[in-house]
Amino acid sequence: MKIVLIASKQDTAGMNIAKHCEDLGFKVNYIEEKQIFAKNLDDFDADLIIILSKHKSESGNLTLTAHHPGNFSKDTSHGGNSKELSVAYPSYHKEIIRQLHNIKNEVPDFQITTEPTHHGPTSFKTPVIFVEIGSTDKEWKNQKAGESVAKALKTAMEVSPKHPKTAIAIGGGHYSEKFTGILLNSEYAIGHICPKYAIDHLDIEALRQMKERSAEKITFALIDKKGVKSKTKLISMCTELGLKVVQV
């Protein structure tokens, strides 16, 4: 399994994590452009690319996050192509969230959470996962946070996770406690996540991408029964694509 770590020279948090990854003996590849506009990722000939990054939010919440990139809408202002999702890797997404949770005692003020699919890059054949520190310059420069994330990644990269229950997830907010809990406490590994605020863009083609743009075969669709108002059409589309619907 060839896993490639990438950091943008423009990204404070990414460079912070990268330094500590190198201290642990891992090679980091540096790019000049912002990570959401990363180019030529398939040239690394990797099985998985992990992009080390900052997370920015107006709330200023202290977070350690992991998610897949992709655009459900036509908006490409944050990189990637219109209505295109990256290739996901559910089992490694699950393992990274697990290992971030395992180092939480080192950074107790930080929330460990998955995020829904958002921003670029999107167009590559290689699976991509973002691992991020949020949410302000103070946290991006926090050396303990950078060190802890690097430790979590080291452990995640040293195993070969394979989970038989692979799923997409639909509903909930940007920081989904429900889907984070499922990653931590169930057998499900989750690839792409479509949040409640993007469901208006979730047509059959977007749903097909959620299923097919994955390094592992997707079998289940997890639907947040409280985080999705109208489920009938959604369940019908999932069934049409051969997904087993589980309301959680």
C-alpha atoms as a PDB file:
ATOM      1  CA  MET A   1       0.000   0.000   0.000  1.00  0.00           C
ATOM      2  CA  LYS A   2       1.618   3.236  -1.146  1.00  0.00           C
ATOM      3  CA  ILE A   3       0.363   6.249   0.800  1.00  0.00           C
ATOM      4  CA  VAL A   4       1.629   9.697  -0.167  1.00  0.00           C
ATOM      5  CA  LEU A   5       1.517  12.698   2.177  1.00  0.00           C
ATOM      6  CA  ILE A   6       1.140  16.154   0.642  1.00  0.00           C
ATOM      7  CA  ALA A   7       1.303  19.640   2.140  1.00  0.00           C
ATOM      8  CA  SER A   8       0.991  23.046   0.513  1.00  0.00           C
ATOM      9  CA  LYS A   9       3.756  25.535   1.244  1.00  0.00           C
ATOM     10  CA  GLN A  10       0.970  28.116   1.561  1.00  0.00           C
ATOM     11  CA  ASP A  11      -0.779  26.263   4.378  1.00  0.00           C
ATOM     12  CA  THR A  12       0.299  26.871   7.979  1.00  0.00           C
ATOM     13  CA  ALA A  13      -1.405  23.831   9.497  1.00  0.00           C
ATOM     14  CA  GLY A  14      -0.284  21.548   6.685  1.00  0.00           C
ATOM     15  CA  MET A  15       3.331  22.605   7.172  1.00  0.00           C
ATOM     16  CA  ASN A  16       2.968  22.119  10.926  1.00  0.00           C
ATOM     17  CA  ILE A  17       1.703  18.539  10.552  1.00  0.00           C
ATOM     18  CA  ALA A  18       4.293  17.867   7.832  1.00  0.00           C
ATOM     19  CA  LYS A  19       7.186  18.818  10.099  1.00  0.00           C
ATOM     20  CA  HIS A  20       6.075  16.314  12.712  1.00  0.00           C
ATOM     21  CA  CYS A  21       5.444  13.613  10.102  1.00  0.00           C
ATOM     22  CA  GLU A  22       9.025  14.075   8.924  1.00  0.00           C
ATOM     23  CA  ASP A  23      10.225  13.868  12.538  1.00  0.00           C
ATOM     24  CA  LEU A  24       8.541  10.448  12.658  1.00  0.00           C
ATOM     25  CA  GLY A  25      10.395   9.350   9.529  1.00  0.00           C
ATOM     26  CA  PHE A  26       7.722   9.909   6.877  1.00  0.00           C
ATOM     27  CA  LYS A  27       8.380  11.654   3.596  1.00  0.00           C
ATOM     28  CA  VAL A  28       6.138  14.612   2.812  1.00  0.00           C
ATOM     29  CA  ASN A  29       5.717  15.985  -0.700  1.00  0.00           C
ATOM     30  CA  TYR A  30       5.344  19.755  -0.910  1.00  0.00           C
ATOM     31  CA  ILE A  31       3.317  21.646  -3.499  1.00  0.00           C
ATOM     32  CA  GLU A  32       3.392  25.351  -4.342  1.00  0.00           C
ATOM     33  CA  GLU A  33      -0.342  25.824  -4.982  1.00  0.00           C
ATOM     34  CA  LYS A  34      -3.073  25.800  -2.357  1.00  0.00           C
ATOM     35  CA  GLN A  35      -4.072  22.257  -1.503  1.00  0.00           C
ATOM     36  CA  ILE A  36      -7.645  22.665  -2.742  1.00  0.00           C
ATOM     37  CA  PHE A  37      -6.194  23.457  -6.177  1.00  0.00           C
ATOM     38  CA  ALA A  38      -3.651  20.604  -6.138  1.00  0.00           C
ATOM     39  CA  LYS A  39      -2.552  19.406  -9.576  1.00  0.00           C
ATOM     40  CA  ASN A  40      -1.253  16.166 -11.095  1.00  0.00           C
ATOM     41  CA  LEU A  41      -1.881  14.009  -8.037  1.00  0.00           C
ATOM     42  CA  ASP A  42      -2.076  10.859 -10.142  1.00  0.00           C
ATOM     43  CA  ASP A  43       1.604  11.371 -11.031  1.00  0.00           C
ATOM     44  CA  PHE A  44       2.517  10.127  -7.542  1.00  0.00           C
ATOM     45  CA  ASP A  45       1.274   6.646  -8.542  1.00  0.00           C
ATOM     46  CA  ALA A  46      -0.133   6.194  -5.030  1.00  0.00           C
ATOM     47  CA  ASP A  47      -2.881   3.996  -3.616  1.00  0.00           C
ATOM     48  CA  LEU A  48      -3.982   6.864  -1.357  1.00  0.00           C
ATOM     49  CA  ILE A  49      -3.070  10.532  -1.008  1.00  0.00           C
ATOM     50  CA  ILE A  50      -3.448  12.237   2.352  1.00  0.00           C
ATOM     51  CA  ILE A  51      -3.432  16.028   2.183  1.00  0.00           C
ATOM     52  CA  LEU A  52      -2.325  17.790   5.370  1.00  0.00           C
ATOM     53  CA  SER A  53      -4.323  20.965   5.764  1.00  0.00           C
ATOM     54  CA  LYS A  54      -5.908  23.683   7.819  1.00  0.00           C
ATOM     55  CA  HIS A  55      -9.614  23.791   8.542  1.00  0.00           C
ATOM     56  CA  LYS A  56     -11.160  27.234   8.657  1.00  0.00           C
ATOM     57  CA  SER A  57     -14.535  28.125  10.126  1.00  0.00           C
ATOM     58  CA  GLU A  58     -16.232  31.255  11.396  1.00  0.00           C
ATOM     59  CA  SER A  59     -17.143  29.468  14.623  1.00  0.00           C
ATOM     60  CA  GLY A  60     -13.472  29.157  15.562  1.00  0.00           C
ATOM     61  CA  ASN A  61     -14.079  25.699  17.036  1.00  0.00           C
ATOM     62  CA  LEU A  62     -10.946  23.714  17.857  1.00  0.00           C
ATOM     63  CA  THR A  63     -11.138  20.662  15.599  1.00  0.00           C
ATOM     64  CA  LEU A  64      -9.126  17.807  14.188  1.00  0.00           C
ATOM     65  CA  THR A  65     -10.964  16.586  11.111  1.00  0.00           C
ATOM     66  CA  ALA A  66     -10.818  14.215   8.163  1.00  0.00           C
ATOM     67  CA  HIS A  67     -12.939  14.184   5.012  1.00  0.00           C
ATOM     68  CA  HIS A  68     -12.999  13.522   1.280  1.00  0.00           C
ATOM     69  CA  PRO A  69     -13.014  16.351  -1.274  1.00  0.00           C
ATOM     70  CA  GLY A  70     -15.760  16.934  -3.826  1.00  0.00           C
ATOM     71  CA  ASN A  71     -18.397  19.376  -5.072  1.00  0.00           C
ATOM     72  CA  PHE A  72     -22.096  18.519  -4.997  1.00  0.00           C
ATOM     73  CA  SER A  73     -22.974  21.885  -6.565  1.00  0.00           C
ATOM     74  CA  LYS A  74     -21.690  23.807  -9.575  1.00  0.00           C
ATOM     75  CA  ASP A  75     -19.625  26.095  -7.314  1.00  0.00           C
ATOM     76  CA  THR A  76     -15.910  25.627  -8.016  1.00  0.00           C
ATOM     77  CA  SER A  77     -14.617  28.640  -6.081  1.00  0.00           C
ATOM     78  CA  HIS A  78     -12.902  26.313  -3.630  1.00  0.00           C
ATOM     79  CA  GLY A  79     -11.291  24.061  -6.215  1.00  0.00           C
ATOM     80  CA  GLY A  80     -12.310  20.956  -8.084  1.00  0.00           C
ATOM     81  CA  ASN A  81     -14.759  20.560 -10.939  1.00  0.00           C
ATOM     82  CA  SER A  82     -18.453  21.314 -11.018  1.00  0.00           C
ATOM     83  CA  LYS A  83     -20.634  18.539  -9.564  1.00  0.00           C
ATOM     84  CA  GLU A  84     -17.694  16.151  -9.310  1.00  0.00           C
ATOM     85  CA  LEU A  85     -16.548  14.044  -6.353  1.00  0.00           C
ATOM     86  CA  SER A  86     -13.067  12.731  -5.667  1.00  0.00           C
ATOM     87  CA  VAL A  87     -12.353   9.034  -5.187  1.00  0.00           C
ATOM     88  CA  ALA A  88     -13.014   8.099  -1.555  1.00  0.00           C
ATOM     89  CA  TYR A  89     -11.328   5.473   0.635  1.00  0.00           C
ATOM     90  CA  PRO A  90     -13.825   4.528   3.371  1.00  0.00           C
ATOM     91  CA  SER A  91     -11.651   2.168   5.428  1.00  0.00           C
ATOM     92  CA  TYR A  92      -8.795   4.661   5.730  1.00  0.00           C
ATOM     93  CA  HIS A  93     -11.239   7.481   6.486  1.00  0.00           C
ATOM     94  CA  LYS A  94     -12.538   5.362   9.362  1.00  0.00           C
ATOM     95  CA  GLU A  95      -9.048   4.457  10.571  1.00  0.00           C
ATOM     96  CA  ILE A  96      -7.840   8.061  10.547  1.00  0.00           C
ATOM     97  CA  ILE A  97     -10.850   9.242  12.574  1.00  0.00           C
ATOM     98  CA  ARG A  98     -10.265   6.375  15.011  1.00  0.00           C
ATOM     99  CA  GLN A  99      -6.608   7.233  15.460  1.00  0.00           C
ATOM    100  CA  LEU A 100      -7.350  10.944  15.871  1.00  0.00           C
ATOM    101  CA  HIS A 101      -9.794   9.965  18.604  1.00  0.00           C
ATOM    102  CA  ASN A 102      -7.103   7.819  20.233  1.00  0.00           C
ATOM    103  CA  ILE A 103      -4.783  10.836  20.658  1.00  0.00           C
ATOM    104  CA  LYS A 104      -7.516  13.172  21.896  1.00  0.00           C
ATOM    105  CA  ASN A 105      -6.155  13.004  25.452  1.00  0.00           C
ATOM    106  CA  GLU A 106      -3.031  14.798  24.157  1.00  0.00           C
ATOM    107  CA  VAL A 107      -5.153  17.688  22.851  1.00  0.00           C
ATOM    108  CA  PRO A 108      -8.269  17.579  25.059  1.00  0.00           C
ATOM    109  CA  ASP A 109      -9.625  20.947  23.890  1.00  0.00           C
ATOM    110  CA  PHE A 110      -9.965  19.734  20.304  1.00  0.00           C
ATOM    111  CA  GLN A 111     -13.084  18.082  18.912  1.00  0.00           C
ATOM    112  CA  ILE A 112     -12.498  15.036  16.698  1.00  0.00           C
ATOM    113  CA  THR A 113     -14.950  14.992  13.806  1.00  0.00           C
ATOM    114  CA  THR A 114     -15.512  13.899  10.270  1.00  0.00           C
ATOM    115  CA  GLU A 115     -16.796  16.442   7.788  1.00  0.00           C
ATOM    116  CA  PRO A 116     -18.965  16.055   4.710  1.00  0.00           C
ATOM    117  CA  THR A 117     -17.520  15.989   1.223  1.00  0.00           C
ATOM    118  CA  HIS A 118     -16.561  19.512   0.126  1.00  0.00           C
ATOM    119  CA  HIS A 119     -14.058  21.579  -1.928  1.00  0.00           C
ATOM    120  CA  GLY A 120     -11.372  20.415  -4.382  1.00  0.00           C
ATOM    121  CA  PRO A 121      -9.466  18.715  -5.810  1.00  0.00           C
ATOM    122  CA  THR A 122     -11.854  16.265  -7.483  1.00  0.00           C
ATOM    123  CA  SER A 123     -10.643  14.989 -10.840  1.00  0.00           C
ATOM    124  CA  PHE A 124      -8.027  12.366  -9.970  1.00  0.00           C
ATOM    125  CA  LYS A 125      -8.150   8.574 -10.090  1.00  0.00           C
ATOM    126  CA  THR A 126      -6.211   8.330  -6.827  1.00  0.00           C
ATOM    127  CA  PRO A 127      -8.251   8.381  -3.582  1.00  0.00           C
ATOM    128  CA  VAL A 128      -7.762  11.579  -1.552  1.00  0.00           C
ATOM    129  CA  ILE A 129      -8.400  12.276   2.128  1.00  0.00           C
ATOM    130  CA  PHE A 130      -7.867  15.642   3.825  1.00  0.00           C
ATOM    131  CA  VAL A 131      -6.654  15.648   7.435  1.00  0.00           C
ATOM    132  CA  GLU A 132      -7.003  19.045   9.051  1.00  0.00           C
ATOM    133  CA  ILE A 133      -6.390  21.225  12.101  1.00  0.00           C
ATOM    134  CA  GLY A 134      -8.965  23.927  12.795  1.00  0.00           C
ATOM    135  CA  SER A 135      -9.976  26.561  12.962  1.00  0.00           C
ATOM    136  CA  THR A 136      -7.789  29.695  13.401  1.00  0.00           C
ATOM    137  CA  ASP A 137      -4.161  30.666  12.943  1.00  0.00           C
ATOM    138  CA  LYS A 138      -3.504  29.925  16.615  1.00  0.00           C
ATOM    139  CA  GLU A 139      -4.566  26.284  16.205  1.00  0.00           C
ATOM    140  CA  TRP A 140      -2.865  25.914  12.804  1.00  0.00           C
ATOM    141  CA  LYS A 141       0.447  26.799  14.487  1.00  0.00           C
ATOM    142  CA  ASN A 142      -0.206  24.673  17.577  1.00  0.00           C
ATOM    143  CA  GLN A 143       2.778  22.320  17.708  1.00  0.00           C
ATOM    144  CA  LYS A 144       1.092  19.841  20.031  1.00  0.00           C
ATOM    145  CA  ALA A 145      -1.818  19.543  17.633  1.00  0.00           C
ATOM    146  CA  GLY A 146       0.559  19.033  14.706  1.00  0.00           C
ATOM    147  CA  GLU A 147       2.511  16.404  16.613  1.00  0.00           C
ATOM    148  CA  SER A 148      -0.642  14.573  17.706  1.00  0.00           C
ATOM    149  CA  VAL A 149      -2.073  14.475  14.186  1.00  0.00           C
ATOM    150  CA  ALA A 150       1.249  13.125  12.889  1.00  0.00           C
ATOM    151  CA  LYS A 151       1.179  10.359  15.523  1.00  0.00           C
ATOM    152  CA  ALA A 152      -2.378   9.441  14.555  1.00  0.00           C
ATOM    153  CA  LEU A 153      -1.428   9.286  10.886  1.00  0.00           C
ATOM    154  CA  LYS A 154       1.622   7.141  11.631  1.00  0.00           C
ATOM    155  CA  THR A 155      -0.558   4.541  13.341  1.00  0.00           C
ATOM    156  CA  ALA A 156      -3.240   4.691  10.637  1.00  0.00           C
ATOM    157  CA  MET A 157      -0.660   4.252   7.885  1.00  0.00           C
ATOM    158  CA  GLU A 158       0.948   1.257   9.553  1.00  0.00           C
ATOM    159  CA  VAL A 159      -2.205  -0.839   9.401  1.00  0.00           C
ATOM    160  CA  SER A 160      -4.135  -2.133   6.406  1.00  0.00           C
ATOM    161  CA  PRO A 161      -7.742  -1.442   7.389  1.00  0.00           C
ATOM    162  CA  LYS A 162     -10.451  -3.351   5.601  1.00  0.00           C
ATOM    163  CA  HIS A 163     -14.028  -3.055   6.718  1.00  0.00           C
ATOM    164  CA  PRO A 164     -16.743  -5.173   5.088  1.00  0.00           C
ATOM    165  CA  LYS A 165     -19.534  -2.668   5.734  1.00  0.00           C
ATOM    166  CA  THR A 166     -18.716   0.253   3.439  1.00  0.00           C
ATOM    167  CA  ALA A 167     -21.220   3.063   3.101  1.00  0.00           C
ATOM    168  CA  ILE A 168     -22.045   6.521   1.916  1.00  0.00           C
ATOM    169  CA  ALA A 169     -23.816   8.849   4.331  1.00  0.00           C
ATOM    170  CA  ILE A 170     -26.516  11.445   3.817  1.00  0.00           C
ATOM    171  CA  GLY A 171     -27.841  14.187   6.099  1.00  0.00           C
ATOM    172  CA  GLY A 172     -26.832  16.035   9.196  1.00  0.00           C
ATOM    173  CA  GLY A 173     -24.814  19.207   9.605  1.00  0.00           C
ATOM    174  CA  HIS A 174     -21.255  20.076   8.701  1.00  0.00           C
ATOM    175  CA  TYR A 175     -19.925  18.527  11.907  1.00  0.00           C
ATOM    176  CA  SER A 176     -21.870  15.312  12.211  1.00  0.00           C
ATOM    177  CA  GLU A 177     -21.632  13.775  15.655  1.00  0.00           C
ATOM    178  CA  LYS A 178     -23.791  10.917  14.381  1.00  0.00           C
ATOM    179  CA  PHE A 179     -21.533   9.913  11.483  1.00  0.00           C
ATOM    180  CA  THR A 180     -18.393  10.492  13.554  1.00  0.00           C
ATOM    181  CA  GLY A 181     -19.864   8.179  16.181  1.00  0.00           C
ATOM    182  CA  ILE A 182     -20.652   5.564  13.549  1.00  0.00           C
ATOM    183  CA  LEU A 183     -17.054   5.685  12.303  1.00  0.00           C
ATOM    184  CA  LEU A 184     -15.791   5.262  15.859  1.00  0.00           C
ATOM    185  CA  ASN A 185     -18.243   2.778  17.301  1.00  0.00           C
ATOM    186  CA  SER A 186     -19.679   0.605  14.538  1.00  0.00           C
ATOM    187  CA  GLU A 187     -18.579  -1.704  11.747  1.00  0.00           C
ATOM    188  CA  TYR A 188     -19.391   0.858   9.068  1.00  0.00           C
ATOM    189  CA  ALA A 189     -16.662   2.631   7.106  1.00  0.00           C
ATOM    190  CA  ILE A 190     -17.933   5.759   5.355  1.00  0.00           C
ATOM    191  CA  GLY A 191     -16.830   7.255   2.060  1.00  0.00           C
ATOM    192  CA  HIS A 192     -18.574  10.342   0.733  1.00  0.00           C
ATOM    193  CA  ILE A 193     -20.947  12.263   3.008  1.00  0.00           C
ATOM    194  CA  CYS A 194     -23.636  14.596   1.646  1.00  0.00           C
ATOM    195  CA  PRO A 195     -24.796  17.027   4.340  1.00  0.00           C
ATOM    196  CA  LYS A 196     -28.317  18.316   4.748  1.00  0.00           C
ATOM    197  CA  TYR A 197     -27.398  21.681   3.227  1.00  0.00           C
ATOM    198  CA  ALA A 198     -26.294  20.019  -0.051  1.00  0.00           C
ATOM    199  CA  ILE A 199     -29.204  17.588  -0.480  1.00  0.00           C
ATOM    200  CA  ASP A 200     -30.899  19.848  -3.043  1.00  0.00           C
ATOM    201  CA  HIS A 201     -27.951  19.039  -5.334  1.00  0.00           C
ATOM    202  CA  LEU A 202     -28.162  15.289  -4.685  1.00  0.00           C
ATOM    203  CA  ASP A 203     -29.664  13.935  -7.889  1.00  0.00           C
ATOM    204  CA  ILE A 204     -29.244  10.359  -9.139  1.00  0.00           C
ATOM    205  CA  GLU A 205     -25.951  11.180 -10.885  1.00  0.00           C
ATOM    206  CA  ALA A 206     -24.424  12.715  -7.753  1.00  0.00           C
ATOM    207  CA  LEU A 207     -25.600   9.717  -5.751  1.00  0.00           C
ATOM    208  CA  ARG A 208     -24.055   7.390  -8.340  1.00  0.00           C
ATOM    209  CA  GLN A 209     -20.744   9.219  -7.917  1.00  0.00           C
ATOM    210  CA  MET A 210     -20.956   8.801  -4.151  1.00  0.00           C
ATOM    211  CA  LYS A 211     -21.302   5.075  -4.728  1.00  0.00           C
ATOM    212  CA  GLU A 212     -18.886   4.546  -7.607  1.00  0.00           C
ATOM    213  CA  ARG A 213     -16.143   7.078  -6.850  1.00  0.00           C
ATOM    214  CA  SER A 214     -14.651   4.866  -4.147  1.00  0.00           C
ATOM    215  CA  ALA A 215     -11.600   2.654  -3.801  1.00  0.00           C
ATOM    216  CA  GLU A 216     -13.860   0.091  -2.104  1.00  0.00           C
ATOM    217  CA  LYS A 217     -17.238  -1.200  -3.207  1.00  0.00           C
ATOM    218  CA  ILE A 218     -20.024   0.730  -1.498  1.00  0.00           C
ATOM    219  CA  THR A 219     -22.899  -1.430  -0.249  1.00  0.00           C
ATOM    220  CA  PHE A 220     -24.847   0.727   2.198  1.00  0.00           C
ATOM    221  CA  ALA A 221     -26.434   4.179   2.297  1.00  0.00           C
ATOM    222  CA  LEU A 222     -26.688   5.560   5.833  1.00  0.00           C
ATOM    223  CA  ILE A 223     -29.434   8.181   6.084  1.00  0.00           C
ATOM    224  CA  ASP A 224     -29.679  10.429   9.120  1.00  0.00           C
ATOM    225  CA  LYS A 225     -33.363   9.972   9.958  1.00  0.00           C
ATOM    226  CA  LYS A 226     -33.446  13.220  11.939  1.00  0.00           C
ATOM    227  CA  GLY A 227     -31.118  15.124   9.610  1.00  0.00           C
ATOM    228  CA  VAL A 228     -33.078  14.562   6.391  1.00  0.00           C
ATOM    229  CA  LYS A 229     -36.640  15.898   6.032  1.00  0.00           C
ATOM    230  CA  SER A 230     -37.927  14.161   2.891  1.00  0.00           C
ATOM    231  CA  LYS A 231     -36.595  10.633   2.511  1.00  0.00           C
ATOM    232  CA  THR A 232     -38.956   8.932   0.032  1.00  0.00           C
ATOM    233  CA  LYS A 233     -37.266  10.067  -3.190  1.00  0.00           C
ATOM    234  CA  LEU A 234     -33.824   9.649  -1.640  1.00  0.00           C
ATOM    235  CA  ILE A 235     -34.538   6.080  -0.551  1.00  0.00           C
ATOM    236  CA  SER A 236     -35.927   5.323  -4.014  1.00  0.00           C
ATOM    237  CA  MET A 237     -32.753   6.582  -5.710  1.00  0.00           C
ATOM    238  CA  CYS A 238     -30.533   4.604  -3.333  1.00  0.00           C
ATOM    239  CA  THR A 239     -32.554   1.465  -4.002  1.00  0.00           C
ATOM    240  CA  GLU A 240     -32.337   2.054  -7.762  1.00  0.00           C
ATOM    241  CA  LEU A 241     -28.546   2.096  -7.434  1.00  0.00           C
ATOM    242  CA  GLY A 242     -28.544  -1.159  -5.487  1.00  0.00           C
ATOM    243  CA  LEU A 243     -27.674   0.352  -2.134  1.00  0.00           C
ATOM    244  CA  LYS A 244     -28.975  -1.089   1.125  1.00  0.00           C
ATOM    245  CA  VAL A 245     -30.593   1.797   2.986  1.00  0.00           C
ATOM    246  CA  VAL A 246     -30.044   2.043   6.738  1.00  0.00           C
ATOM    247  CA  GLN A 247     -31.708   4.859   8.648  1.00  0.00           C
ATOM    248  CA  VAL A 248     -29.580   5.885  11.614  1.00  0.00           C
END
